[in-house]
Amino acid sequence: MVLCRNVLIYYGPDGQSRILPNLVRSLRQGGLLVLGKAEAITPADDLGIEAVDRTERIYRRCR
């Protein structure tokens, strides 16, 4: 599980596009990524994760 609550908002789109793939790669298959309310991933499919709960920003690594 990786908790990244309201950290990514301090990086611009370029920084987020570099950080998110690394966070996802650090997860095991089925691992969870939890983001803060101010953060969003679009599109999640490109990163190899699926939404478990979009409202709470919880995603699971699917590949």
PDB file of N, CA and C in Angstrom:
ATOM      1  N   MET A   1       0.845  -1.167   0.000  1.00  0.00           N
ATOM      2  CA  MET A   1       0.000   0.000   0.000  1.00  0.00           C
ATOM      3  C   MET A   1       0.896   1.237   0.000  1.00  0.00           C
ATOM      4  N   VAL A   2       0.527   2.185  -0.843  1.00  0.00           N
ATOM      5  CA  VAL A   2       1.207   3.483  -0.876  1.00  0.00           C
ATOM      6  C   VAL A   2       0.168   4.547  -0.565  1.00  0.00           C
ATOM      7  N   LEU A   3       0.442   5.330   0.469  1.00  0.00           N
ATOM      8  CA  LEU A   3      -0.424   6.451   0.829  1.00  0.00           C
ATOM      9  C   LEU A   3       0.253   7.722   0.367  1.00  0.00           C
ATOM     10  N   CYS A   4      -0.405   8.437  -0.493  1.00  0.00           N
ATOM     11  CA  CYS A   4       0.150   9.674  -1.049  1.00  0.00           C
ATOM     12  C   CYS A   4      -0.927  10.745  -0.934  1.00  0.00           C
ATOM     13  N   ARG A   5      -1.230  11.107   0.292  1.00  0.00           N
ATOM     14  CA  ARG A   5      -2.347  12.000   0.573  1.00  0.00           C
ATOM     15  C   ARG A   5      -1.931  13.458   0.438  1.00  0.00           C
ATOM     16  N   ASN A   6      -2.445  14.106  -0.605  1.00  0.00           N
ATOM     17  CA  ASN A   6      -2.243  15.534  -0.834  1.00  0.00           C
ATOM     18  C   ASN A   6      -0.771  15.935  -0.945  1.00  0.00           C
ATOM     19  N   VAL A   7      -0.004  15.112  -1.613  1.00  0.00           N
ATOM     20  CA  VAL A   7       1.403  15.421  -1.885  1.00  0.00           C
ATOM     21  C   VAL A   7       1.568  15.820  -3.344  1.00  0.00           C
ATOM     22  N   LEU A   8       0.911  15.104  -4.235  1.00  0.00           N
ATOM     23  CA  LEU A   8       1.078  15.332  -5.673  1.00  0.00           C
ATOM     24  C   LEU A   8       0.582  16.700  -6.119  1.00  0.00           C
ATOM     25  N   ILE A   9      -0.282  17.325  -5.340  1.00  0.00           N
ATOM     26  CA  ILE A   9      -0.807  18.632  -5.737  1.00  0.00           C
ATOM     27  C   ILE A   9       0.290  19.693  -5.771  1.00  0.00           C
ATOM     28  N   TYR A  10       1.414  19.430  -5.111  1.00  0.00           N
ATOM     29  CA  TYR A  10       2.510  20.398  -5.082  1.00  0.00           C
ATOM     30  C   TYR A  10       3.438  20.266  -6.283  1.00  0.00           C
ATOM     31  N   TYR A  11       3.229  19.239  -7.095  1.00  0.00           N
ATOM     32  CA  TYR A  11       3.992  19.042  -8.321  1.00  0.00           C
ATOM     33  C   TYR A  11       3.095  19.410  -9.494  1.00  0.00           C
ATOM     34  N   GLY A  12       3.649  19.949 -10.512  1.00  0.00           N
ATOM     35  CA  GLY A  12       2.872  20.255 -11.707  1.00  0.00           C
ATOM     36  C   GLY A  12       2.548  18.983 -12.466  1.00  0.00           C
ATOM     37  N   PRO A  13       1.838  19.123 -13.568  1.00  0.00           N
ATOM     38  CA  PRO A  13       1.494  17.950 -14.385  1.00  0.00           C
ATOM     39  C   PRO A  13       2.719  17.159 -14.837  1.00  0.00           C
ATOM     40  N   ASP A  14       3.818  17.846 -15.131  1.00  0.00           N
ATOM     41  CA  ASP A  14       5.029  17.127 -15.552  1.00  0.00           C
ATOM     42  C   ASP A  14       5.589  16.284 -14.414  1.00  0.00           C
ATOM     43  N   GLY A  15       5.646  16.847 -13.234  1.00  0.00           N
ATOM     44  CA  GLY A  15       6.138  16.108 -12.082  1.00  0.00           C
ATOM     45  C   GLY A  15       5.253  14.928 -11.734  1.00  0.00           C
ATOM     46  N   GLN A  16       3.949  15.128 -11.801  1.00  0.00           N
ATOM     47  CA  GLN A  16       3.007  14.048 -11.518  1.00  0.00           C
ATOM     48  C   GLN A  16       3.138  12.918 -12.530  1.00  0.00           C
ATOM     49  N   SER A  17       3.353  13.265 -13.796  1.00  0.00           N
ATOM     50  CA  SER A  17       3.478  12.227 -14.826  1.00  0.00           C
ATOM     51  C   SER A  17       4.758  11.414 -14.658  1.00  0.00           C
ATOM     52  N   ARG A  18       5.744  11.965 -13.955  1.00  0.00           N
ATOM     53  CA  ARG A  18       6.971  11.198 -13.664  1.00  0.00           C
ATOM     54  C   ARG A  18       6.837  10.398 -12.376  1.00  0.00           C
ATOM     55  N   ILE A  19       6.139  10.926 -11.391  1.00  0.00           N
ATOM     56  CA  ILE A  19       6.034  10.289 -10.080  1.00  0.00           C
ATOM     57  C   ILE A  19       5.038   9.136 -10.065  1.00  0.00           C
ATOM     58  N   LEU A  20       3.861   9.320 -10.656  1.00  0.00           N
ATOM     59  CA  LEU A  20       2.813   8.307 -10.581  1.00  0.00           C
ATOM     60  C   LEU A  20       3.228   6.942 -11.126  1.00  0.00           C
ATOM     61  N   PRO A  21       3.875   6.859 -12.294  1.00  0.00           N
ATOM     62  CA  PRO A  21       4.292   5.531 -12.760  1.00  0.00           C
ATOM     63  C   PRO A  21       5.257   4.845 -11.793  1.00  0.00           C
ATOM     64  N   ASN A  22       6.117   5.606 -11.147  1.00  0.00           N
ATOM     65  CA  ASN A  22       7.032   5.017 -10.164  1.00  0.00           C
ATOM     66  C   ASN A  22       6.284   4.503  -8.940  1.00  0.00           C
ATOM     67  N   LEU A  23       5.287   5.240  -8.489  1.00  0.00           N
ATOM     68  CA  LEU A  23       4.489   4.773  -7.361  1.00  0.00           C
ATOM     69  C   LEU A  23       3.760   3.478  -7.706  1.00  0.00           C
ATOM     70  N   VAL A  24       3.179   3.430  -8.891  1.00  0.00           N
ATOM     71  CA  VAL A  24       2.439   2.239  -9.310  1.00  0.00           C
ATOM     72  C   VAL A  24       3.379   1.044  -9.449  1.00  0.00           C
ATOM     73  N   ARG A  25       4.563   1.264 -10.011  1.00  0.00           N
ATOM     74  CA  ARG A  25       5.533   0.168 -10.153  1.00  0.00           C
ATOM     75  C   ARG A  25       5.998  -0.362  -8.801  1.00  0.00           C
ATOM     76  N   SER A  26       5.977   0.465  -7.788  1.00  0.00           N
ATOM     77  CA  SER A  26       6.413   0.021  -6.464  1.00  0.00           C
ATOM     78  C   SER A  26       5.388  -0.887  -5.781  1.00  0.00           C
ATOM     79  N   LEU A  27       4.173  -0.934  -6.319  1.00  0.00           N
ATOM     80  CA  LEU A  27       3.126  -1.778  -5.748  1.00  0.00           C
ATOM     81  C   LEU A  27       3.221  -3.200  -6.275  1.00  0.00           C
ATOM     82  N   ARG A  28       2.900  -4.147  -5.442  1.00  0.00           N
ATOM     83  CA  ARG A  28       2.744  -5.528  -5.903  1.00  0.00           C
ATOM     84  C   ARG A  28       1.413  -5.646  -6.630  1.00  0.00           C
ATOM     85  N   GLN A  29       1.242  -6.730  -7.359  1.00  0.00           N
ATOM     86  CA  GLN A  29      -0.044  -7.004  -8.007  1.00  0.00           C
ATOM     87  C   GLN A  29      -1.136  -6.973  -6.942  1.00  0.00           C
ATOM     88  N   GLY A  30      -2.164  -6.180  -7.148  1.00  0.00           N
ATOM     89  CA  GLY A  30      -3.254  -6.061  -6.193  1.00  0.00           C
ATOM     90  C   GLY A  30      -3.002  -5.038  -5.092  1.00  0.00           C
ATOM     91  N   GLY A  31      -1.814  -4.407  -5.098  1.00  0.00           N
ATOM     92  CA  GLY A  31      -1.490  -3.396  -4.098  1.00  0.00           C
ATOM     93  C   GLY A  31      -2.336  -2.141  -4.272  1.00  0.00           C
ATOM     94  N   LEU A  32      -2.465  -1.385  -3.208  1.00  0.00           N
ATOM     95  CA  LEU A  32      -3.337  -0.214  -3.206  1.00  0.00           C
ATOM     96  C   LEU A  32      -2.550   1.088  -3.220  1.00  0.00           C
ATOM     97  N   LEU A  33      -3.068   2.048  -3.966  1.00  0.00           N
ATOM     98  CA  LEU A  33      -2.556   3.414  -3.995  1.00  0.00           C
ATOM     99  C   LEU A  33      -3.687   4.308  -3.514  1.00  0.00           C
ATOM    100  N   VAL A  34      -3.427   5.075  -2.440  1.00  0.00           N
ATOM    101  CA  VAL A  34      -4.446   5.949  -1.858  1.00  0.00           C
ATOM    102  C   VAL A  34      -3.976   7.387  -2.026  1.00  0.00           C
ATOM    103  N   LEU A  35      -4.798   8.180  -2.701  1.00  0.00           N
ATOM    104  CA  LEU A  35      -4.485   9.583  -2.937  1.00  0.00           C
ATOM    105  C   LEU A  35      -5.382  10.475  -2.087  1.00  0.00           C
ATOM    106  N   GLY A  36      -5.029  11.739  -1.997  1.00  0.00           N
ATOM    107  CA  GLY A  36      -5.832  12.705  -1.260  1.00  0.00           C
ATOM    108  C   GLY A  36      -7.013  13.181  -2.072  1.00  0.00           C
ATOM    109  N   LYS A  37      -7.919  13.875  -1.406  1.00  0.00           N
ATOM    110  CA  LYS A  37      -9.147  14.373  -2.055  1.00  0.00           C
ATOM    111  C   LYS A  37      -8.857  15.373  -3.165  1.00  0.00           C
ATOM    112  N   ALA A  38      -7.740  16.076  -3.081  1.00  0.00           N
ATOM    113  CA  ALA A  38      -7.409  17.089  -4.088  1.00  0.00           C
ATOM    114  C   ALA A  38      -6.681  16.498  -5.286  1.00  0.00           C
ATOM    115  N   GLU A  39      -6.406  15.200  -5.252  1.00  0.00           N
ATOM    116  CA  GLU A  39      -5.628  14.558  -6.318  1.00  0.00           C
ATOM    117  C   GLU A  39      -6.506  13.616  -7.135  1.00  0.00           C
ATOM    118  N   ALA A  40      -6.150  13.465  -8.383  1.00  0.00           N
ATOM    119  CA  ALA A  40      -6.886  12.564  -9.266  1.00  0.00           C
ATOM    120  C   ALA A  40      -5.938  11.981 -10.297  1.00  0.00           C
ATOM    121  N   ILE A  41      -6.288  10.821 -10.789  1.00  0.00           N
ATOM    122  CA  ILE A  41      -5.510  10.169 -11.840  1.00  0.00           C
ATOM    123  C   ILE A  41      -6.413  10.047 -13.058  1.00  0.00           C
ATOM    124  N   THR A  42      -5.945  10.549 -14.183  1.00  0.00           N
ATOM    125  CA  THR A  42      -6.700  10.389 -15.426  1.00  0.00           C
ATOM    126  C   THR A  42      -5.736  10.156 -16.565  1.00  0.00           C
ATOM    127  N   PRO A  43      -5.944   9.220 -17.406  1.00  0.00           N
ATOM    128  CA  PRO A  43      -6.793   8.054 -17.185  1.00  0.00           C
ATOM    129  C   PRO A  43      -6.027   6.996 -16.397  1.00  0.00           C
ATOM    130  N   ALA A  44      -6.682   6.345 -15.490  1.00  0.00           N
ATOM    131  CA  ALA A  44      -6.044   5.351 -14.617  1.00  0.00           C
ATOM    132  C   ALA A  44      -5.614   4.110 -15.397  1.00  0.00           C
ATOM    133  N   ASP A  45      -6.306   3.792 -16.483  1.00  0.00           N
ATOM    134  CA  ASP A  45      -5.987   2.583 -17.243  1.00  0.00           C
ATOM    135  C   ASP A  45      -4.571   2.605 -17.813  1.00  0.00           C
ATOM    136  N   ASP A  46      -4.076   3.766 -18.167  1.00  0.00           N
ATOM    137  CA  ASP A  46      -2.743   3.865 -18.746  1.00  0.00           C
ATOM    138  C   ASP A  46      -1.645   3.518 -17.749  1.00  0.00           C
ATOM    139  N   LEU A  47      -1.930   3.635 -16.461  1.00  0.00           N
ATOM    140  CA  LEU A  47      -0.944   3.362 -15.430  1.00  0.00           C
ATOM    141  C   LEU A  47      -0.972   1.919 -14.947  1.00  0.00           C
ATOM    142  N   GLY A  48      -1.960   1.143 -15.372  1.00  0.00           N
ATOM    143  CA  GLY A  48      -2.067  -0.239 -14.920  1.00  0.00           C
ATOM    144  C   GLY A  48      -2.748  -0.355 -13.568  1.00  0.00           C
ATOM    145  N   ILE A  49      -3.624   0.595 -13.269  1.00  0.00           N
ATOM    146  CA  ILE A  49      -4.377   0.531 -12.025  1.00  0.00           C
ATOM    147  C   ILE A  49      -5.855   0.698 -12.317  1.00  0.00           C
ATOM    148  N   GLU A  50      -6.672   0.208 -11.386  1.00  0.00           N
ATOM    149  CA  GLU A  50      -8.121   0.345 -11.504  1.00  0.00           C
ATOM    150  C   GLU A  50      -8.662   0.991 -10.240  1.00  0.00           C
ATOM    151  N   ALA A  51      -9.742   1.704 -10.373  1.00  0.00           N
ATOM    152  CA  ALA A  51     -10.346   2.378  -9.232  1.00  0.00           C
ATOM    153  C   ALA A  51     -11.080   1.367  -8.363  1.00  0.00           C
ATOM    154  N   VAL A  52     -10.769   1.379  -7.089  1.00  0.00           N
ATOM    155  CA  VAL A  52     -11.508   0.594  -6.104  1.00  0.00           C
ATOM    156  C   VAL A  52     -12.636   1.457  -5.566  1.00  0.00           C
ATOM    157  N   ASP A  53     -12.321   2.719  -5.283  1.00  0.00           N
ATOM    158  CA  ASP A  53     -13.299   3.687  -4.797  1.00  0.00           C
ATOM    159  C   ASP A  53     -12.878   5.066  -5.302  1.00  0.00           C
ATOM    160  N   ARG A  54     -13.539   5.549  -6.333  1.00  0.00           N
ATOM    161  CA  ARG A  54     -13.175   6.840  -6.927  1.00  0.00           C
ATOM    162  C   ARG A  54     -13.406   8.003  -5.967  1.00  0.00           C
ATOM    163  N   THR A  55     -14.439   7.930  -5.177  1.00  0.00           N
ATOM    164  CA  THR A  55     -14.744   9.008  -4.236  1.00  0.00           C
ATOM    165  C   THR A  55     -13.618   9.175  -3.212  1.00  0.00           C
ATOM    166  N   GLU A  56     -13.110   8.072  -2.707  1.00  0.00           N
ATOM    167  CA  GLU A  56     -12.033   8.111  -1.710  1.00  0.00           C
ATOM    168  C   GLU A  56     -10.646   8.073  -2.345  1.00  0.00           C
ATOM    169  N   ARG A  57     -10.572   8.009  -3.674  1.00  0.00           N
ATOM    170  CA  ARG A  57      -9.313   8.004  -4.424  1.00  0.00           C
ATOM    171  C   ARG A  57      -8.433   6.804  -4.067  1.00  0.00           C
ATOM    172  N   ILE A  58      -9.040   5.621  -4.082  1.00  0.00           N
ATOM    173  CA  ILE A  58      -8.322   4.381  -3.803  1.00  0.00           C
ATOM    174  C   ILE A  58      -8.237   3.583  -5.100  1.00  0.00           C
ATOM    175  N   TYR A  59      -7.019   3.185  -5.457  1.00  0.00           N
ATOM    176  CA  TYR A  59      -6.770   2.468  -6.709  1.00  0.00           C
ATOM    177  C   TYR A  59      -6.002   1.191  -6.410  1.00  0.00           C
ATOM    178  N   ARG A  60      -6.178   0.167  -7.276  1.00  0.00           N
ATOM    179  CA  ARG A  60      -5.493  -1.105  -7.128  1.00  0.00           C
ATOM    180  C   ARG A  60      -4.687  -1.395  -8.375  1.00  0.00           C
ATOM    181  N   ARG A  61      -3.466  -1.887  -8.168  1.00  0.00           N
ATOM    182  CA  ARG A  61      -2.638  -2.278  -9.323  1.00  0.00           C
ATOM    183  C   ARG A  61      -3.206  -3.534  -9.933  1.00  0.00           C
ATOM    184  N   CYS A  62      -3.471  -3.494 -11.229  1.00  0.00           N
ATOM    185  CA  CYS A  62      -4.113  -4.614 -11.897  1.00  0.00           C
ATOM    186  C   CYS A  62      -3.195  -5.341 -12.874  1.00  0.00           C
ATOM    187  N   ARG A  63      -2.013  -4.818 -13.125  1.00  0.00           N
ATOM    188  CA  ARG A  63      -1.067  -5.553 -13.991  1.00  0.00           C
ATOM    189  C   ARG A  63       0.341  -5.309 -13.550  1.00  0.00           C
TER     190      ARG A  63
END
